[in-house]
Amino acid sequence: MISEVIVQLSAEQQFRADLSRLPPMGNEEARRWLDDQFTALDCEPLRPSGKVLLADKVLVVAREAGARRLTDEAWFHAYARAAHAVLGRPVIKVDVGTMTMTY
């Protein structure tokens, strides 16, 4: 079964993590990791109400991380494992340019 996370920063920059080769992250650990990154990267909620959905966190953390963090293999693998754990989908594509996500 395919299990991967893809982050598209631009037409020329795409990052892929094959999760079949990485240890899974538990849901609670993944939520904490994303919360920590959301805070560390000074992320802002996407919604005017201030409510932050898990999918929004996955999008915004990728956007604020940018190429600098996404090229850090350890960081990107942690991000991919966290995204996979909280969203529970086998294939996740995060398009930062359009701020969309497909499963």
PDB file of N, CA and C in Angstrom:
ATOM      1  N   MET A   1       0.836  -1.184   0.000  1.00  0.00           N
ATOM      2  CA  MET A   1       0.000   0.000   0.000  1.00  0.00           C
ATOM      3  C   MET A   1       0.880   1.246   0.000  1.00  0.00           C
ATOM      4  N   ILE A   2       0.551   2.201  -0.841  1.00  0.00           N
ATOM      5  CA  ILE A   2       1.296   3.453  -0.925  1.00  0.00           C
ATOM      6  C   ILE A   2       0.946   4.309   0.287  1.00  0.00           C
ATOM      7  N   SER A   3       1.962   4.893   0.874  1.00  0.00           N
ATOM      8  CA  SER A   3       1.783   5.790   2.001  1.00  0.00           C
ATOM      9  C   SER A   3       2.837   6.881   1.875  1.00  0.00           C
ATOM     10  N   GLU A   4       2.390   8.083   1.479  1.00  0.00           N
ATOM     11  CA  GLU A   4       3.352   9.159   1.279  1.00  0.00           C
ATOM     12  C   GLU A   4       2.739  10.522   1.519  1.00  0.00           C
ATOM     13  N   VAL A   5       3.616  11.471   1.782  1.00  0.00           N
ATOM     14  CA  VAL A   5       3.233  12.874   1.924  1.00  0.00           C
ATOM     15  C   VAL A   5       4.062  13.650   0.914  1.00  0.00           C
ATOM     16  N   ILE A   6       3.387  14.505   0.162  1.00  0.00           N
ATOM     17  CA  ILE A   6       4.029  15.324  -0.859  1.00  0.00           C
ATOM     18  C   ILE A   6       3.735  16.778  -0.526  1.00  0.00           C
ATOM     19  N   VAL A   7       4.763  17.586  -0.509  1.00  0.00           N
ATOM     20  CA  VAL A   7       4.585  19.028  -0.312  1.00  0.00           C
ATOM     21  C   VAL A   7       5.104  19.716  -1.558  1.00  0.00           C
ATOM     22  N   GLN A   8       4.217  20.474  -2.205  1.00  0.00           N
ATOM     23  CA  GLN A   8       4.552  21.215  -3.428  1.00  0.00           C
ATOM     24  C   GLN A   8       4.685  22.685  -3.054  1.00  0.00           C
ATOM     25  N   LEU A   9       5.910  23.207  -3.105  1.00  0.00           N
ATOM     26  CA  LEU A   9       6.113  24.632  -2.833  1.00  0.00           C
ATOM     27  C   LEU A   9       5.902  25.457  -4.092  1.00  0.00           C
ATOM     28  N   SER A  10       6.342  24.924  -5.217  1.00  0.00           N
ATOM     29  CA  SER A  10       6.200  25.597  -6.512  1.00  0.00           C
ATOM     30  C   SER A  10       6.265  24.523  -7.584  1.00  0.00           C
ATOM     31  N   ALA A  11       6.135  24.936  -8.821  1.00  0.00           N
ATOM     32  CA  ALA A  11       6.211  23.962  -9.915  1.00  0.00           C
ATOM     33  C   ALA A  11       7.573  23.266  -9.936  1.00  0.00           C
ATOM     34  N   GLU A  12       8.600  23.962  -9.456  1.00  0.00           N
ATOM     35  CA  GLU A  12       9.953  23.410  -9.478  1.00  0.00           C
ATOM     36  C   GLU A  12      10.365  22.740  -8.176  1.00  0.00           C
ATOM     37  N   GLN A  13       9.637  22.974  -7.109  1.00  0.00           N
ATOM     38  CA  GLN A  13      10.051  22.465  -5.805  1.00  0.00           C
ATOM     39  C   GLN A  13       8.985  21.585  -5.178  1.00  0.00           C
ATOM     40  N   GLN A  14       9.312  20.312  -5.087  1.00  0.00           N
ATOM     41  CA  GLN A  14       8.406  19.334  -4.495  1.00  0.00           C
ATOM     42  C   GLN A  14       9.206  18.420  -3.568  1.00  0.00           C
ATOM     43  N   PHE A  15       8.603  18.097  -2.444  1.00  0.00           N
ATOM     44  CA  PHE A  15       9.237  17.226  -1.456  1.00  0.00           C
ATOM     45  C   PHE A  15       8.329  16.022  -1.232  1.00  0.00           C
ATOM     46  N   ARG A  16       8.923  14.821  -1.209  1.00  0.00           N
ATOM     47  CA  ARG A  16       8.165  13.578  -1.021  1.00  0.00           C
ATOM     48  C   ARG A  16       8.764  12.784   0.122  1.00  0.00           C
ATOM     49  N   ALA A  17       7.870  12.220   0.917  1.00  0.00           N
ATOM     50  CA  ALA A  17       8.302  11.314   1.987  1.00  0.00           C
ATOM     51  C   ALA A  17       7.539  10.007   1.827  1.00  0.00           C
ATOM     52  N   ASP A  18       8.282   8.931   1.655  1.00  0.00           N
ATOM     53  CA  ASP A  18       7.703   7.587   1.591  1.00  0.00           C
ATOM     54  C   ASP A  18       7.579   7.096   3.025  1.00  0.00           C
ATOM     55  N   LEU A  19       6.351   7.045   3.526  1.00  0.00           N
ATOM     56  CA  LEU A  19       6.123   6.704   4.925  1.00  0.00           C
ATOM     57  C   LEU A  19       6.240   5.215   5.203  1.00  0.00           C
ATOM     58  N   SER A  20       6.264   4.393   4.177  1.00  0.00           N
ATOM     59  CA  SER A  20       6.399   2.957   4.400  1.00  0.00           C
ATOM     60  C   SER A  20       7.769   2.621   4.984  1.00  0.00           C
ATOM     61  N   ARG A  21       8.708   3.533   4.869  1.00  0.00           N
ATOM     62  CA  ARG A  21      10.064   3.319   5.382  1.00  0.00           C
ATOM     63  C   ARG A  21      10.311   4.029   6.711  1.00  0.00           C
ATOM     64  N   LEU A  22       9.293   4.726   7.223  1.00  0.00           N
ATOM     65  CA  LEU A  22       9.445   5.490   8.458  1.00  0.00           C
ATOM     66  C   LEU A  22       8.546   4.920   9.547  1.00  0.00           C
ATOM     67  N   PRO A  23       8.971   5.005  10.794  1.00  0.00           N
ATOM     68  CA  PRO A  23       8.106   4.519  11.875  1.00  0.00           C
ATOM     69  C   PRO A  23       6.888   5.431  12.023  1.00  0.00           C
ATOM     70  N   PRO A  24       5.723   4.863  12.301  1.00  0.00           N
ATOM     71  CA  PRO A  24       4.537   5.703  12.446  1.00  0.00           C
ATOM     72  C   PRO A  24       4.612   6.561  13.709  1.00  0.00           C
ATOM     73  N   MET A  25       3.882   7.663  13.678  1.00  0.00           N
ATOM     74  CA  MET A  25       3.787   8.550  14.827  1.00  0.00           C
ATOM     75  C   MET A  25       2.369   8.412  15.382  1.00  0.00           C
ATOM     76  N   GLY A  26       2.253   8.335  16.677  1.00  0.00           N
ATOM     77  CA  GLY A  26       0.936   8.253  17.303  1.00  0.00           C
ATOM     78  C   GLY A  26       0.168   9.549  17.134  1.00  0.00           C
ATOM     79  N   ASN A  27      -1.146   9.467  17.192  1.00  0.00           N
ATOM     80  CA  ASN A  27      -1.992  10.632  16.970  1.00  0.00           C
ATOM     81  C   ASN A  27      -1.710  11.749  17.969  1.00  0.00           C
ATOM     82  N   GLU A  28      -1.605  11.433  19.231  1.00  0.00           N
ATOM     83  CA  GLU A  28      -1.371  12.462  20.253  1.00  0.00           C
ATOM     84  C   GLU A  28       0.008  13.101  20.083  1.00  0.00           C
ATOM     85  N   GLU A  29       1.006  12.286  19.814  1.00  0.00           N
ATOM     86  CA  GLU A  29       2.353  12.817  19.568  1.00  0.00           C
ATOM     87  C   GLU A  29       2.351  13.724  18.339  1.00  0.00           C
ATOM     88  N   ALA A  30       1.617  13.332  17.296  1.00  0.00           N
ATOM     89  CA  ALA A  30       1.534  14.121  16.062  1.00  0.00           C
ATOM     90  C   ALA A  30       0.858  15.465  16.318  1.00  0.00           C
ATOM     91  N   ARG A  31      -0.205  15.455  17.093  1.00  0.00           N
ATOM     92  CA  ARG A  31      -0.889  16.719  17.430  1.00  0.00           C
ATOM     93  C   ARG A  31       0.047  17.659  18.190  1.00  0.00           C
ATOM     94  N   ARG A  32       0.776  17.103  19.151  1.00  0.00           N
ATOM     95  CA  ARG A  32       1.715  17.923  19.930  1.00  0.00           C
ATOM     96  C   ARG A  32       2.814  18.477  19.032  1.00  0.00           C
ATOM     97  N   TRP A  33       3.344  17.627  18.135  1.00  0.00           N
ATOM     98  CA  TRP A  33       4.410  18.075  17.245  1.00  0.00           C
ATOM     99  C   TRP A  33       3.912  19.226  16.369  1.00  0.00           C
ATOM    100  N   LEU A  34       2.737  19.068  15.782  1.00  0.00           N
ATOM    101  CA  LEU A  34       2.191  20.137  14.936  1.00  0.00           C
ATOM    102  C   LEU A  34       1.914  21.404  15.742  1.00  0.00           C
ATOM    103  N   ASP A  35       1.379  21.248  16.954  1.00  0.00           N
ATOM    104  CA  ASP A  35       1.142  22.411  17.818  1.00  0.00           C
ATOM    105  C   ASP A  35       2.449  23.141  18.106  1.00  0.00           C
ATOM    106  N   ASP A  36       3.483  22.376  18.441  1.00  0.00           N
ATOM    107  CA  ASP A  36       4.792  22.976  18.733  1.00  0.00           C
ATOM    108  C   ASP A  36       5.343  23.723  17.525  1.00  0.00           C
ATOM    109  N   GLN A  37       5.228  23.123  16.350  1.00  0.00           N
ATOM    110  CA  GLN A  37       5.729  23.770  15.135  1.00  0.00           C
ATOM    111  C   GLN A  37       4.901  25.003  14.775  1.00  0.00           C
ATOM    112  N   PHE A  38       3.593  24.914  14.965  1.00  0.00           N
ATOM    113  CA  PHE A  38       2.704  26.044  14.692  1.00  0.00           C
ATOM    114  C   PHE A  38       3.141  27.249  15.525  1.00  0.00           C
ATOM    115  N   THR A  39       3.474  26.993  16.780  1.00  0.00           N
ATOM    116  CA  THR A  39       3.917  28.059  17.676  1.00  0.00           C
ATOM    117  C   THR A  39       5.327  28.519  17.323  1.00  0.00           C
ATOM    118  N   ALA A  40       6.247  27.586  17.141  1.00  0.00           N
ATOM    119  CA  ALA A  40       7.647  27.925  16.861  1.00  0.00           C
ATOM    120  C   ALA A  40       7.807  28.722  15.567  1.00  0.00           C
ATOM    121  N   LEU A  41       6.965  28.441  14.592  1.00  0.00           N
ATOM    122  CA  LEU A  41       7.063  29.117  13.292  1.00  0.00           C
ATOM    123  C   LEU A  41       6.208  30.387  13.230  1.00  0.00           C
ATOM    124  N   ASP A  42       5.613  30.760  14.365  1.00  0.00           N
ATOM    125  CA  ASP A  42       4.753  31.957  14.436  1.00  0.00           C
ATOM    126  C   ASP A  42       3.637  31.922  13.397  1.00  0.00           C
ATOM    127  N   CYS A  43       3.000  30.784  13.279  1.00  0.00           N
ATOM    128  CA  CYS A  43       1.915  30.622  12.312  1.00  0.00           C
ATOM    129  C   CYS A  43       0.667  31.376  12.774  1.00  0.00           C
ATOM    130  N   GLU A  44      -0.098  31.815  11.823  1.00  0.00           N
ATOM    131  CA  GLU A  44      -1.362  32.507  12.074  1.00  0.00           C
ATOM    132  C   GLU A  44      -2.505  31.632  11.571  1.00  0.00           C
ATOM    133  N   PRO A  45      -3.640  31.628  12.278  1.00  0.00           N
ATOM    134  CA  PRO A  45      -4.803  30.860  11.811  1.00  0.00           C
ATOM    135  C   PRO A  45      -5.262  31.336  10.429  1.00  0.00           C
ATOM    136  N   LEU A  46      -5.750  30.404   9.619  1.00  0.00           N
ATOM    137  CA  LEU A  46      -6.250  30.744   8.285  1.00  0.00           C
ATOM    138  C   LEU A  46      -7.638  31.355   8.338  1.00  0.00           C
ATOM    139  N   ARG A  47      -8.417  30.986   9.341  1.00  0.00           N
ATOM    140  CA  ARG A  47      -9.815  31.402   9.422  1.00  0.00           C
ATOM    141  C   ARG A  47      -9.974  32.655  10.275  1.00  0.00           C
ATOM    142  N   PRO A  48     -10.845  33.558   9.845  1.00  0.00           N
ATOM    143  CA  PRO A  48     -11.078  34.781  10.616  1.00  0.00           C
ATOM    144  C   PRO A  48     -11.577  34.511  12.044  1.00  0.00           C
ATOM    145  N   SER A  49     -12.222  33.378  12.244  1.00  0.00           N
ATOM    146  CA  SER A  49     -12.727  33.037  13.572  1.00  0.00           C
ATOM    147  C   SER A  49     -11.600  32.678  14.537  1.00  0.00           C
ATOM    148  N   GLY A  50     -10.421  32.393  13.996  1.00  0.00           N
ATOM    149  CA  GLY A  50      -9.295  31.999  14.827  1.00  0.00           C
ATOM    150  C   GLY A  50      -9.236  30.501  15.077  1.00  0.00           C
ATOM    151  N   LYS A  51     -10.276  29.780  14.659  1.00  0.00           N
ATOM    152  CA  LYS A  51     -10.292  28.325  14.833  1.00  0.00           C
ATOM    153  C   LYS A  51      -9.256  27.701  13.894  1.00  0.00           C
ATOM    154  N   VAL A  52      -8.514  26.736  14.415  1.00  0.00           N
ATOM    155  CA  VAL A  52      -7.474  26.089  13.614  1.00  0.00           C
ATOM    156  C   VAL A  52      -7.784  24.601  13.514  1.00  0.00           C
ATOM    157  N   LEU A  53      -8.167  24.170  12.328  1.00  0.00           N
ATOM    158  CA  LEU A  53      -8.408  22.756  12.077  1.00  0.00           C
ATOM    159  C   LEU A  53      -7.067  22.050  11.865  1.00  0.00           C
ATOM    160  N   LEU A  54      -7.054  20.752  12.074  1.00  0.00           N
ATOM    161  CA  LEU A  54      -5.805  20.006  11.867  1.00  0.00           C
ATOM    162  C   LEU A  54      -5.289  20.153  10.443  1.00  0.00           C
ATOM    163  N   ALA A  55      -6.188  20.100   9.474  1.00  0.00           N
ATOM    164  CA  ALA A  55      -5.763  20.266   8.076  1.00  0.00           C
ATOM    165  C   ALA A  55      -5.154  21.650   7.863  1.00  0.00           C
ATOM    166  N   ASP A  56      -5.726  22.659   8.500  1.00  0.00           N
ATOM    167  CA  ASP A  56      -5.164  24.015   8.399  1.00  0.00           C
ATOM    168  C   ASP A  56      -3.758  24.055   8.971  1.00  0.00           C
ATOM    169  N   LYS A  57      -3.552  23.370  10.098  1.00  0.00           N
ATOM    170  CA  LYS A  57      -2.228  23.342  10.721  1.00  0.00           C
ATOM    171  C   LYS A  57      -1.212  22.701   9.789  1.00  0.00           C
ATOM    172  N   VAL A  58      -1.595  21.609   9.160  1.00  0.00           N
ATOM    173  CA  VAL A  58      -0.696  20.920   8.232  1.00  0.00           C
ATOM    174  C   VAL A  58      -0.308  21.869   7.094  1.00  0.00           C
ATOM    175  N   LEU A  59      -1.275  22.607   6.550  1.00  0.00           N
ATOM    176  CA  LEU A  59      -1.010  23.556   5.466  1.00  0.00           C
ATOM    177  C   LEU A  59      -0.120  24.705   5.911  1.00  0.00           C
ATOM    178  N   VAL A  60      -0.487  25.338   7.003  1.00  0.00           N
ATOM    179  CA  VAL A  60       0.229  26.535   7.443  1.00  0.00           C
ATOM    180  C   VAL A  60       1.649  26.204   7.906  1.00  0.00           C
ATOM    181  N   VAL A  61       1.822  25.093   8.587  1.00  0.00           N
ATOM    182  CA  VAL A  61       3.163  24.702   9.019  1.00  0.00           C
ATOM    183  C   VAL A  61       4.056  24.473   7.800  1.00  0.00           C
ATOM    184  N   ALA A  62       3.542  23.828   6.766  1.00  0.00           N
ATOM    185  CA  ALA A  62       4.344  23.620   5.544  1.00  0.00           C
ATOM    186  C   ALA A  62       4.708  24.958   4.905  1.00  0.00           C
ATOM    187  N   ARG A  63       3.748  25.865   4.853  1.00  0.00           N
ATOM    188  CA  ARG A  63       4.006  27.176   4.240  1.00  0.00           C
ATOM    189  C   ARG A  63       5.089  27.934   5.012  1.00  0.00           C
ATOM    190  N   GLU A  64       4.956  27.980   6.324  1.00  0.00           N
ATOM    191  CA  GLU A  64       5.908  28.736   7.137  1.00  0.00           C
ATOM    192  C   GLU A  64       7.267  28.043   7.232  1.00  0.00           C
ATOM    193  N   ALA A  65       7.276  26.728   7.111  1.00  0.00           N
ATOM    194  CA  ALA A  65       8.544  25.995   7.151  1.00  0.00           C
ATOM    195  C   ALA A  65       9.387  26.331   5.929  1.00  0.00           C
ATOM    196  N   GLY A  66       8.729  26.422   4.782  1.00  0.00           N
ATOM    197  CA  GLY A  66       9.435  26.759   3.557  1.00  0.00           C
ATOM    198  C   GLY A  66      10.504  25.746   3.193  1.00  0.00           C
ATOM    199  N   ALA A  67      11.233  26.063   2.154  1.00  0.00           N
ATOM    200  CA  ALA A  67      12.257  25.151   1.641  1.00  0.00           C
ATOM    201  C   ALA A  67      13.352  24.889   2.664  1.00  0.00           C
ATOM    202  N   ARG A  68      13.638  25.871   3.502  1.00  0.00           N
ATOM    203  CA  ARG A  68      14.730  25.711   4.475  1.00  0.00           C
ATOM    204  C   ARG A  68      14.497  24.513   5.388  1.00  0.00           C
ATOM    205  N   ARG A  69      13.285  24.390   5.924  1.00  0.00           N
ATOM    206  CA  ARG A  69      13.011  23.263   6.815  1.00  0.00           C
ATOM    207  C   ARG A  69      12.649  22.000   6.037  1.00  0.00           C
ATOM    208  N   LEU A  70      11.951  22.160   4.925  1.00  0.00           N
ATOM    209  CA  LEU A  70      11.551  20.985   4.156  1.00  0.00           C
ATOM    210  C   LEU A  70      12.747  20.234   3.575  1.00  0.00           C
ATOM    211  N   THR A  71      13.856  20.927   3.361  1.00  0.00           N
ATOM    212  CA  THR A  71      15.056  20.242   2.874  1.00  0.00           C
ATOM    213  C   THR A  71      15.817  19.551   4.000  1.00  0.00           C
ATOM    214  N   ASP A  72      15.459  19.840   5.238  1.00  0.00           N
ATOM    215  CA  ASP A  72      16.036  19.146   6.394  1.00  0.00           C
ATOM    216  C   ASP A  72      15.302  17.815   6.518  1.00  0.00           C
ATOM    217  N   GLU A  73      15.974  16.737   6.146  1.00  0.00           N
ATOM    218  CA  GLU A  73      15.328  15.421   6.066  1.00  0.00           C
ATOM    219  C   GLU A  73      14.663  15.003   7.373  1.00  0.00           C
ATOM    220  N   ALA A  74      15.325  15.212   8.492  1.00  0.00           N
ATOM    221  CA  ALA A  74      14.749  14.814   9.786  1.00  0.00           C
ATOM    222  C   ALA A  74      13.472  15.609  10.075  1.00  0.00           C
ATOM    223  N   TRP A  75      13.520  16.917   9.817  1.00  0.00           N
ATOM    224  CA  TRP A  75      12.336  17.753  10.065  1.00  0.00           C
ATOM    225  C   TRP A  75      11.196  17.334   9.133  1.00  0.00           C
ATOM    226  N   PHE A  76      11.516  17.170   7.850  1.00  0.00           N
ATOM    227  CA  PHE A  76      10.473  16.817   6.878  1.00  0.00           C
ATOM    228  C   PHE A  76       9.862  15.456   7.186  1.00  0.00           C
ATOM    229  N   HIS A  77      10.660  14.499   7.586  1.00  0.00           N
ATOM    230  CA  HIS A  77      10.112  13.189   7.934  1.00  0.00           C
ATOM    231  C   HIS A  77       9.206  13.281   9.159  1.00  0.00           C
ATOM    232  N   ALA A  78       9.572  14.092  10.136  1.00  0.00           N
ATOM    233  CA  ALA A  78       8.706  14.291  11.310  1.00  0.00           C
ATOM    234  C   ALA A  78       7.398  14.953  10.878  1.00  0.00           C
ATOM    235  N   TYR A  79       7.479  15.956  10.006  1.00  0.00           N
ATOM    236  CA  TYR A  79       6.286  16.633   9.487  1.00  0.00           C
ATOM    237  C   TYR A  79       5.389  15.629   8.764  1.00  0.00           C
ATOM    238  N   ALA A  80       5.965  14.838   7.883  1.00  0.00           N
ATOM    239  CA  ALA A  80       5.189  13.871   7.101  1.00  0.00           C
ATOM    240  C   ALA A  80       4.519  12.842   8.010  1.00  0.00           C
ATOM    241  N   ARG A  81       5.254  12.337   8.998  1.00  0.00           N
ATOM    242  CA  ARG A  81       4.682  11.367   9.934  1.00  0.00           C
ATOM    243  C   ARG A  81       3.539  11.990  10.725  1.00  0.00           C
ATOM    244  N   ALA A  82       3.706  13.251  11.150  1.00  0.00           N
ATOM    245  CA  ALA A  82       2.660  13.940  11.909  1.00  0.00           C
ATOM    246  C   ALA A  82       1.430  14.178  11.037  1.00  0.00           C
ATOM    247  N   ALA A  83       1.635  14.653   9.821  1.00  0.00           N
ATOM    248  CA  ALA A  83       0.513  14.900   8.909  1.00  0.00           C
ATOM    249  C   ALA A  83      -0.260  13.610   8.654  1.00  0.00           C
ATOM    250  N   HIS A  84       0.460  12.547   8.412  1.00  0.00           N
ATOM    251  CA  HIS A  84      -0.164  11.249   8.155  1.00  0.00           C
ATOM    252  C   HIS A  84      -0.965  10.779   9.370  1.00  0.00           C
ATOM    253  N   ALA A  85      -0.409  10.946  10.560  1.00  0.00           N
ATOM    254  CA  ALA A  85      -1.079  10.487  11.781  1.00  0.00           C
ATOM    255  C   ALA A  85      -2.368  11.270  12.061  1.00  0.00           C
ATOM    256  N   VAL A  86      -2.328  12.594  11.909  1.00  0.00           N
ATOM    257  CA  VAL A  86      -3.513  13.379  12.258  1.00  0.00           C
ATOM    258  C   VAL A  86      -4.588  13.343  11.183  1.00  0.00           C
ATOM    259  N   LEU A  87      -4.183  13.179   9.932  1.00  0.00           N
ATOM    260  CA  LEU A  87      -5.174  13.181   8.852  1.00  0.00           C
ATOM    261  C   LEU A  87      -5.656  11.782   8.492  1.00  0.00           C
ATOM    262  N   GLY A  88      -4.851  10.772   8.801  1.00  0.00           N
ATOM    263  CA  GLY A  88      -5.266   9.391   8.585  1.00  0.00           C
ATOM    264  C   GLY A  88      -5.525   9.005   7.142  1.00  0.00           C
ATOM    265  N   ARG A  89      -4.793   9.603   6.231  1.00  0.00           N
ATOM    266  CA  ARG A  89      -4.937   9.287   4.800  1.00  0.00           C
ATOM    267  C   ARG A  89      -3.643   8.677   4.283  1.00  0.00           C
ATOM    268  N   PRO A  90      -3.728   7.723   3.357  1.00  0.00           N
ATOM    269  CA  PRO A  90      -2.507   7.085   2.860  1.00  0.00           C
ATOM    270  C   PRO A  90      -1.628   8.021   2.020  1.00  0.00           C
ATOM    271  N   VAL A  91      -2.247   8.874   1.212  1.00  0.00           N
ATOM    272  CA  VAL A  91      -1.488   9.805   0.375  1.00  0.00           C
ATOM    273  C   VAL A  91      -2.039  11.208   0.620  1.00  0.00           C
ATOM    274  N   ILE A  92      -1.141  12.103   0.986  1.00  0.00           N
ATOM    275  CA  ILE A  92      -1.511  13.487   1.268  1.00  0.00           C
ATOM    276  C   ILE A  92      -0.646  14.379   0.401  1.00  0.00           C
ATOM    277  N   LYS A  93      -1.283  15.274  -0.358  1.00  0.00           N
ATOM    278  CA  LYS A  93      -0.533  16.246  -1.156  1.00  0.00           C
ATOM    279  C   LYS A  93      -0.891  17.641  -0.668  1.00  0.00           C
ATOM    280  N   VAL A  94       0.128  18.352  -0.220  1.00  0.00           N
ATOM    281  CA  VAL A  94      -0.025  19.714   0.276  1.00  0.00           C
ATOM    282  C   VAL A  94       0.540  20.653  -0.793  1.00  0.00           C
ATOM    283  N   ASP A  95      -0.335  21.495  -1.325  1.00  0.00           N
ATOM    284  CA  ASP A  95       0.092  22.474  -2.339  1.00  0.00           C
ATOM    285  C   ASP A  95       0.135  23.840  -1.665  1.00  0.00           C
ATOM    286  N   VAL A  96       1.327  24.287  -1.336  1.00  0.00           N
ATOM    287  CA  VAL A  96       1.485  25.533  -0.591  1.00  0.00           C
ATOM    288  C   VAL A  96       1.098  26.736  -1.451  1.00  0.00           C
ATOM    289  N   GLY A  97       1.373  26.690  -2.731  1.00  0.00           N
ATOM    290  CA  GLY A  97       1.039  27.815  -3.618  1.00  0.00           C
ATOM    291  C   GLY A  97      -0.433  28.148  -3.646  1.00  0.00           C
ATOM    292  N   THR A  98      -1.261  27.111  -3.660  1.00  0.00           N
ATOM    293  CA  THR A  98      -2.716  27.311  -3.706  1.00  0.00           C
ATOM    294  C   THR A  98      -3.366  27.127  -2.345  1.00  0.00           C
ATOM    295  N   MET A  99      -2.547  26.763  -1.341  1.00  0.00           N
ATOM    296  CA  MET A  99      -3.031  26.488   0.020  1.00  0.00           C
ATOM    297  C   MET A  99      -4.177  25.495   0.009  1.00  0.00           C
ATOM    298  N   THR A 100      -3.927  24.402  -0.721  1.00  0.00           N
ATOM    299  CA  THR A 100      -4.911  23.305  -0.781  1.00  0.00           C
ATOM    300  C   THR A 100      -4.231  21.999  -0.420  1.00  0.00           C
ATOM    301  N   MET A 101      -5.083  21.052  -0.076  1.00  0.00           N
ATOM    302  CA  MET A 101      -4.589  19.730   0.254  1.00  0.00           C
ATOM    303  C   MET A 101      -5.516  18.717  -0.394  1.00  0.00           C
ATOM    304  N   THR A 102      -4.915  17.677  -0.969  1.00  0.00           N
ATOM    305  CA  THR A 102      -5.717  16.587  -1.545  1.00  0.00           C
ATOM    306  C   THR A 102      -5.272  15.292  -0.896  1.00  0.00           C
ATOM    307  N   TYR A 103      -6.205  14.357  -0.842  1.00  0.00           N
ATOM    308  CA  TYR A 103      -5.955  13.049  -0.228  1.00  0.00           C
ATOM    309  C   TYR A 103      -6.049  11.974  -1.286  1.00  0.00           C
TER     310      TYR A 103
END
